[in-house]
Amino acid sequence: MTKATSFVILFSMAITDKFQQLRDLKKMRDQAMAIQRELAAEEVVVEEQGVKVVMTGDQKIKNLEVDGENQNRLIEVLNKAIKKSQEIAAKKLQEMSGGLSGLLGK
């Protein structure tokens, strides 16, 4: 086997491996998106001492009542705070894992 043939075979194997990694990554992304949709459809209701909170499984407050009165302004502010905290957590996890570089073999 010549050096050129060996190079072509190794190059083909590397390309095939990268395509497989991309397929695996797409599959994981699709699974994550399916889980997100399922979580968004779930609801948790907690009612105590005149306060009622309805939250989705993806941590968005849908309804908040205090003594029977809807608290729309509070819902907006709480959802913004939750989103910011989730972004911070995601960033920290990404830093810890090195992003996708480990997954892609870089």
Protein backbone atom coordinates (compact mmCIF):
# COMPACT_ATOMS: atom_id res chain seq x y z
CA MET A 1 0.00 0.00 0.00
CA THR A 2 1.38 3.38 -0.97
CA LYS A 3 1.55 6.41 1.29
CA ALA A 4 -1.08 8.14 -0.84
CA THR A 5 -3.47 5.18 -0.55
CA SER A 6 -2.94 5.04 3.21
CA PHE A 7 -3.59 8.76 3.46
CA VAL A 8 -6.84 8.47 1.45
CA ILE A 9 -8.05 5.58 3.62
CA LEU A 10 -7.22 7.43 6.85
CA PHE A 11 -8.78 10.63 5.54
CA SER A 12 -11.96 8.75 4.55
CA MET A 13 -12.14 7.12 7.97
CA ALA A 14 -11.71 10.49 9.69
CA ILE A 15 -14.45 12.07 7.57
CA THR A 16 -16.79 9.15 8.22
CA ASP A 17 -16.09 9.41 11.96
CA LYS A 18 -16.86 13.16 11.94
CA PHE A 19 -20.12 12.58 10.07
CA GLN A 20 -21.08 9.94 12.65
CA GLN A 21 -20.28 12.39 15.44
CA LEU A 22 -22.49 14.99 13.77
CA ARG A 23 -25.33 12.46 13.43
CA ASP A 24 -24.93 11.54 17.10
CA LEU A 25 -24.94 15.21 18.08
CA LYS A 26 -28.10 15.85 16.03
CA LYS A 27 -29.77 12.84 17.64
CA MET A 28 -28.92 14.15 21.13
CA ARG A 29 -30.16 17.63 20.17
CA ASP A 30 -33.43 16.17 18.87
CA GLN A 31 -33.86 14.17 22.08
CA ALA A 32 -33.19 17.28 24.18
CA MET A 33 -35.75 19.27 22.20
CA ALA A 34 -38.34 16.50 22.64
CA ILE A 35 -37.73 16.52 26.40
CA GLN A 36 -38.08 20.33 26.46
CA ARG A 37 -41.46 20.04 24.69
CA GLU A 38 -42.60 17.39 27.18
CA LEU A 39 -41.49 19.53 30.12
CA ALA A 40 -43.29 22.58 28.74
CA ALA A 41 -46.51 20.55 28.62
CA GLU A 42 -46.24 19.46 32.28
CA GLU A 43 -47.70 21.64 35.03
CA VAL A 44 -47.01 21.82 38.73
CA VAL A 45 -49.58 23.49 40.97
CA VAL A 46 -48.74 24.47 44.53
CA GLU A 47 -51.26 26.21 46.75
CA GLU A 48 -50.48 27.28 50.31
CA GLN A 49 -51.59 30.05 52.63
CA GLY A 50 -53.57 31.93 49.99
CA VAL A 51 -50.84 31.73 47.37
CA LYS A 52 -51.30 29.62 44.26
CA VAL A 53 -48.48 29.04 41.74
CA VAL A 54 -48.84 27.22 38.42
CA MET A 55 -45.46 26.44 36.85
CA THR A 56 -44.54 24.39 33.80
CA GLY A 57 -41.98 21.61 33.91
CA ASP A 58 -39.56 23.87 32.03
CA GLN A 59 -39.71 26.32 34.95
CA LYS A 60 -41.96 29.03 33.56
CA ILE A 61 -44.59 30.50 35.85
CA LYS A 62 -47.95 30.44 34.10
CA ASN A 63 -50.12 31.75 36.90
CA LEU A 64 -49.60 33.33 40.29
CA GLU A 65 -52.41 34.30 42.60
CA VAL A 66 -52.24 35.83 46.05
CA ASP A 67 -55.52 35.74 47.95
CA GLY A 68 -57.38 35.12 44.68
CA GLU A 69 -55.81 38.07 42.84
CA ASN A 70 -53.72 37.40 39.74
CA GLN A 71 -50.18 38.80 39.95
CA ASN A 72 -49.24 39.33 36.28
CA ARG A 73 -46.44 41.84 36.94
CA LEU A 74 -44.87 39.49 39.44
CA ILE A 75 -45.12 36.60 36.95
CA GLU A 76 -43.17 38.59 34.35
CA VAL A 77 -40.42 39.56 36.79
CA LEU A 78 -40.10 36.07 38.24
CA ASN A 79 -39.92 34.48 34.78
CA LYS A 80 -37.14 36.92 33.81
CA ALA A 81 -35.22 36.09 36.99
CA ILE A 82 -35.64 32.35 36.43
CA LYS A 83 -34.45 32.68 32.82
CA LYS A 84 -31.36 34.66 33.88
CA SER A 85 -30.49 32.10 36.56
CA GLN A 86 -30.88 29.28 34.00
CA GLU A 87 -28.55 31.13 31.60
CA ILE A 88 -25.94 31.51 34.34
CA ALA A 89 -26.21 27.81 35.22
CA ALA A 90 -25.93 26.79 31.55
CA LYS A 91 -22.85 28.98 31.10
CA LYS A 92 -21.18 27.49 34.17
CA LEU A 93 -21.94 23.95 33.01
CA GLN A 94 -20.59 24.75 29.55
CA GLU A 95 -17.39 26.16 31.05
CA MET A 96 -17.03 23.11 33.26
CA SER A 97 -17.51 20.65 30.40
CA GLY A 98 -15.42 22.62 27.91
CA GLY A 99 -18.41 23.09 25.65
CA LEU A 100 -18.83 20.54 22.92
CA SER A 101 -15.12 20.15 22.28
CA GLY A 102 -14.93 16.98 24.37
CA LEU A 103 -17.91 15.51 22.59
CA LEU A 104 -16.50 16.26 19.18
CA GLY A 105 -13.05 14.96 20.05
CA LYS A 106 -11.29 18.32 19.68
